[in-house]
Amino acid sequence: MTKADIVEIVHGRTGFSKKESSEAVEMILEILKEELERGEKVKLSGFGNFVIRSKDVRKGRNPKTGQEMEITARKVMTFKPSQKLKDYINGG
């Protein structure tokens, strides 16, 4: 599914114009990005949690050469689905 698909579904279900639907989807995604960039946890009740975690520098290995290398510190986003979403996906 793409963002364009989501816009089409919002358009079909709400009766908003395609432009309004696109703007709404863009606005929601922009708000999510801004909050995650600030390090905030984003909790969507009944859906799940998006969290930014920091990973420290660590040693790794180049899979092609086997040579040891240092993997730099970075931030990663994780998603943990809610129990409701897990149940829904599993037919509950």
N, C-alpha and C. Protein backbone atom coordinates (compact mmCIF):
# COMPACT_ATOMS: atom_id res chain seq x y z
N MET A 1 0.85 -1.17 0.00
CA MET A 1 0.00 0.00 0.00
C MET A 1 0.89 1.23 0.00
N THR A 2 0.51 2.20 -0.79
CA THR A 2 1.27 3.45 -0.88
C THR A 2 0.46 4.59 -0.28
N LYS A 3 1.13 5.73 -0.15
CA LYS A 3 0.45 6.92 0.36
C LYS A 3 -0.71 7.29 -0.56
N ALA A 4 -0.51 7.14 -1.87
CA ALA A 4 -1.58 7.44 -2.84
C ALA A 4 -2.79 6.53 -2.61
N ASP A 5 -2.54 5.28 -2.26
CA ASP A 5 -3.64 4.35 -1.96
C ASP A 5 -4.42 4.81 -0.74
N ILE A 6 -3.69 5.27 0.28
CA ILE A 6 -4.34 5.76 1.50
C ILE A 6 -5.19 6.98 1.18
N VAL A 7 -4.65 7.88 0.36
CA VAL A 7 -5.41 9.08 -0.04
C VAL A 7 -6.70 8.66 -0.74
N GLU A 8 -6.62 7.68 -1.63
CA GLU A 8 -7.81 7.21 -2.35
C GLU A 8 -8.85 6.65 -1.38
N ILE A 9 -8.42 5.89 -0.40
CA ILE A 9 -9.34 5.30 0.58
C ILE A 9 -9.99 6.40 1.42
N VAL A 10 -9.19 7.38 1.88
CA VAL A 10 -9.74 8.49 2.65
C VAL A 10 -10.76 9.25 1.80
N HIS A 11 -10.41 9.48 0.56
CA HIS A 11 -11.32 10.17 -0.37
C HIS A 11 -12.64 9.40 -0.50
N GLY A 12 -12.55 8.09 -0.68
CA GLY A 12 -13.75 7.27 -0.86
C GLY A 12 -14.62 7.16 0.38
N ARG A 13 -13.98 7.13 1.53
CA ARG A 13 -14.74 6.92 2.77
C ARG A 13 -15.27 8.21 3.39
N THR A 14 -14.63 9.34 3.11
CA THR A 14 -15.04 10.57 3.78
C THR A 14 -15.83 11.52 2.89
N GLY A 15 -15.65 11.38 1.59
CA GLY A 15 -16.29 12.33 0.69
C GLY A 15 -15.48 13.61 0.53
N PHE A 16 -14.31 13.70 1.18
CA PHE A 16 -13.42 14.84 0.97
C PHE A 16 -12.95 14.80 -0.48
N SER A 17 -12.56 15.94 -1.01
CA SER A 17 -11.97 15.94 -2.35
C SER A 17 -10.61 15.23 -2.27
N LYS A 18 -10.07 14.86 -3.43
CA LYS A 18 -8.76 14.20 -3.42
C LYS A 18 -7.69 15.14 -2.86
N LYS A 19 -7.82 16.42 -3.16
CA LYS A 19 -6.85 17.39 -2.64
C LYS A 19 -6.94 17.47 -1.12
N GLU A 20 -8.16 17.55 -0.58
CA GLU A 20 -8.33 17.61 0.88
C GLU A 20 -7.85 16.32 1.53
N SER A 21 -8.14 15.19 0.91
CA SER A 21 -7.69 13.90 1.44
C SER A 21 -6.18 13.82 1.46
N SER A 22 -5.55 14.27 0.38
CA SER A 22 -4.10 14.27 0.30
C SER A 22 -3.49 15.18 1.36
N GLU A 23 -4.07 16.36 1.53
CA GLU A 23 -3.56 17.29 2.54
C GLU A 23 -3.71 16.72 3.95
N ALA A 24 -4.82 16.04 4.22
CA ALA A 24 -5.04 15.45 5.54
C ALA A 24 -4.01 14.35 5.82
N VAL A 25 -3.79 13.48 4.85
CA VAL A 25 -2.81 12.40 5.02
C VAL A 25 -1.42 12.99 5.21
N GLU A 26 -1.05 13.96 4.39
CA GLU A 26 0.26 14.62 4.50
C GLU A 26 0.43 15.27 5.87
N MET A 27 -0.62 15.94 6.35
CA MET A 27 -0.55 16.62 7.64
C MET A 27 -0.33 15.62 8.78
N ILE A 28 -1.05 14.53 8.75
CA ILE A 28 -0.91 13.51 9.79
C ILE A 28 0.51 12.94 9.78
N LEU A 29 1.01 12.61 8.60
CA LEU A 29 2.36 12.05 8.51
C LEU A 29 3.41 13.06 8.95
N GLU A 30 3.21 14.32 8.61
CA GLU A 30 4.16 15.36 9.01
C GLU A 30 4.18 15.52 10.53
N ILE A 31 3.01 15.49 11.16
CA ILE A 31 2.93 15.58 12.62
C ILE A 31 3.66 14.39 13.26
N LEU A 32 3.44 13.20 12.74
CA LEU A 32 4.13 12.01 13.27
C LEU A 32 5.64 12.16 13.14
N LYS A 33 6.12 12.60 11.97
CA LYS A 33 7.56 12.78 11.76
C LYS A 33 8.13 13.80 12.73
N GLU A 34 7.44 14.92 12.91
CA GLU A 34 7.94 15.97 13.80
C GLU A 34 8.05 15.47 15.24
N GLU A 35 7.05 14.76 15.70
CA GLU A 35 7.08 14.25 17.07
C GLU A 35 8.20 13.22 17.26
N LEU A 36 8.36 12.34 16.29
CA LEU A 36 9.43 11.34 16.38
C LEU A 36 10.80 12.01 16.32
N GLU A 37 10.94 13.03 15.49
CA GLU A 37 12.21 13.75 15.39
C GLU A 37 12.57 14.40 16.71
N ARG A 38 11.58 14.87 17.45
CA ARG A 38 11.81 15.48 18.77
C ARG A 38 12.09 14.43 19.84
N GLY A 39 11.98 13.16 19.49
CA GLY A 39 12.23 12.09 20.44
C GLY A 39 11.00 11.67 21.22
N GLU A 40 9.84 12.13 20.80
CA GLU A 40 8.61 11.79 21.49
C GLU A 40 8.09 10.42 21.04
N LYS A 41 7.46 9.72 21.95
CA LYS A 41 6.80 8.46 21.65
C LYS A 41 5.44 8.79 21.04
N VAL A 42 5.08 8.11 19.96
CA VAL A 42 3.78 8.33 19.32
C VAL A 42 2.93 7.08 19.57
N LYS A 43 1.85 7.28 20.31
CA LYS A 43 0.96 6.18 20.65
C LYS A 43 -0.38 6.39 19.96
N LEU A 44 -0.75 5.44 19.11
CA LEU A 44 -2.04 5.47 18.43
C LEU A 44 -2.89 4.36 19.03
N SER A 45 -3.82 4.75 19.88
CA SER A 45 -4.64 3.79 20.61
C SER A 45 -5.31 2.81 19.66
N GLY A 46 -5.20 1.54 19.97
CA GLY A 46 -5.79 0.50 19.14
C GLY A 46 -4.94 0.13 17.94
N PHE A 47 -3.81 0.82 17.74
CA PHE A 47 -2.93 0.53 16.61
C PHE A 47 -1.54 0.14 17.08
N GLY A 48 -0.87 1.03 17.82
CA GLY A 48 0.45 0.68 18.33
C GLY A 48 1.27 1.91 18.69
N ASN A 49 2.54 1.66 19.01
CA ASN A 49 3.45 2.71 19.45
C ASN A 49 4.65 2.79 18.52
N PHE A 50 5.02 4.03 18.17
CA PHE A 50 6.25 4.30 17.44
C PHE A 50 7.20 4.94 18.44
N VAL A 51 8.42 4.42 18.51
CA VAL A 51 9.39 4.92 19.48
C VAL A 51 10.75 5.05 18.79
N ILE A 52 11.48 6.13 19.12
CA ILE A 52 12.84 6.30 18.64
C ILE A 52 13.78 5.80 19.73
N ARG A 53 14.70 4.92 19.33
CA ARG A 53 15.71 4.39 20.26
C ARG A 53 17.08 4.78 19.76
N SER A 54 17.99 4.97 20.69
CA SER A 54 19.38 5.24 20.32
C SER A 54 20.17 3.95 20.39
N LYS A 55 20.96 3.72 19.36
CA LYS A 55 21.85 2.56 19.35
C LYS A 55 23.28 3.07 19.50
N ASP A 56 24.04 2.45 20.37
CA ASP A 56 25.42 2.84 20.61
C ASP A 56 26.32 2.32 19.50
N VAL A 57 27.53 2.85 19.48
CA VAL A 57 28.56 2.35 18.58
C VAL A 57 28.80 0.88 18.93
N ARG A 58 28.99 0.06 17.92
CA ARG A 58 29.26 -1.35 18.19
C ARG A 58 30.13 -1.94 17.10
N LYS A 59 30.71 -3.08 17.39
CA LYS A 59 31.53 -3.76 16.41
C LYS A 59 30.66 -4.64 15.54
N GLY A 60 30.98 -4.67 14.28
CA GLY A 60 30.26 -5.51 13.34
C GLY A 60 31.23 -6.14 12.37
N ARG A 61 30.70 -6.81 11.39
CA ARG A 61 31.53 -7.50 10.43
C ARG A 61 30.97 -7.26 9.03
N ASN A 62 31.85 -6.94 8.09
CA ASN A 62 31.44 -6.78 6.71
C ASN A 62 31.10 -8.18 6.18
N PRO A 63 29.85 -8.41 5.75
CA PRO A 63 29.46 -9.75 5.32
C PRO A 63 30.20 -10.24 4.06
N LYS A 64 30.67 -9.31 3.22
CA LYS A 64 31.39 -9.71 2.01
C LYS A 64 32.81 -10.15 2.32
N THR A 65 33.51 -9.36 3.16
CA THR A 65 34.93 -9.62 3.39
C THR A 65 35.21 -10.30 4.72
N GLY A 66 34.27 -10.22 5.65
CA GLY A 66 34.49 -10.77 6.98
C GLY A 66 35.32 -9.85 7.86
N GLN A 67 35.71 -8.70 7.33
CA GLN A 67 36.54 -7.76 8.07
C GLN A 67 35.73 -7.08 9.16
N GLU A 68 36.34 -6.96 10.37
CA GLU A 68 35.67 -6.25 11.46
C GLU A 68 35.61 -4.77 11.15
N MET A 69 34.50 -4.15 11.58
CA MET A 69 34.34 -2.71 11.38
C MET A 69 33.51 -2.14 12.51
N GLU A 70 33.53 -0.82 12.63
CA GLU A 70 32.75 -0.16 13.66
C GLU A 70 31.45 0.34 13.05
N ILE A 71 30.34 0.00 13.69
CA ILE A 71 29.03 0.48 13.26
C ILE A 71 28.74 1.72 14.10
N THR A 72 28.50 2.82 13.43
CA THR A 72 28.33 4.10 14.13
C THR A 72 27.04 4.15 14.94
N ALA A 73 27.04 5.03 15.94
CA ALA A 73 25.84 5.25 16.75
C ALA A 73 24.76 5.87 15.87
N ARG A 74 23.53 5.53 16.14
CA ARG A 74 22.44 6.08 15.34
C ARG A 74 21.13 5.93 16.09
N LYS A 75 20.11 6.57 15.55
CA LYS A 75 18.76 6.43 16.09
C LYS A 75 17.97 5.53 15.16
N VAL A 76 17.12 4.70 15.75
CA VAL A 76 16.25 3.84 14.96
C VAL A 76 14.82 3.97 15.46
N MET A 77 13.88 3.81 14.56
CA MET A 77 12.48 3.85 14.95
C MET A 77 11.99 2.41 15.08
N THR A 78 11.26 2.16 16.16
CA THR A 78 10.66 0.84 16.33
C THR A 78 9.15 1.01 16.42
N PHE A 79 8.45 -0.04 16.04
CA PHE A 79 6.99 -0.04 16.12
C PHE A 79 6.57 -1.28 16.89
N LYS A 80 5.71 -1.07 17.87
CA LYS A 80 5.16 -2.19 18.62
C LYS A 80 3.64 -2.15 18.45
N PRO A 81 3.07 -3.15 17.78
CA PRO A 81 1.62 -3.14 17.58
C PRO A 81 0.87 -3.34 18.88
N SER A 82 -0.33 -2.75 18.95
CA SER A 82 -1.16 -2.93 20.13
C SER A 82 -1.75 -4.34 20.13
N GLN A 83 -2.23 -4.76 21.27
CA GLN A 83 -2.86 -6.08 21.37
C GLN A 83 -4.10 -6.15 20.47
N LYS A 84 -4.85 -5.04 20.38
CA LYS A 84 -6.03 -5.00 19.51
C LYS A 84 -5.65 -5.26 18.06
N LEU A 85 -4.56 -4.65 17.59
CA LEU A 85 -4.11 -4.84 16.22
C LEU A 85 -3.64 -6.28 16.00
N LYS A 86 -2.91 -6.82 16.97
CA LYS A 86 -2.45 -8.21 16.86
C LYS A 86 -3.65 -9.15 16.77
N ASP A 87 -4.66 -8.93 17.63
CA ASP A 87 -5.86 -9.77 17.62
C ASP A 87 -6.59 -9.66 16.28
N TYR A 88 -6.70 -8.43 15.76
CA TYR A 88 -7.40 -8.19 14.50
C TYR A 88 -6.71 -8.93 13.35
N ILE A 89 -5.39 -8.83 13.32
CA ILE A 89 -4.61 -9.48 12.26
C ILE A 89 -4.75 -11.00 12.33
N ASN A 90 -4.84 -11.52 13.54
CA ASN A 90 -4.94 -12.96 13.74
C ASN A 90 -6.38 -13.46 13.76
N GLY A 91 -7.32 -12.64 13.28
CA GLY A 91 -8.70 -13.08 13.14
C GLY A 91 -9.51 -13.09 14.41
N GLY A 92 -9.03 -12.39 15.45
CA GLY A 92 -9.73 -12.39 16.74
C GLY A 92 -10.73 -11.37 16.80
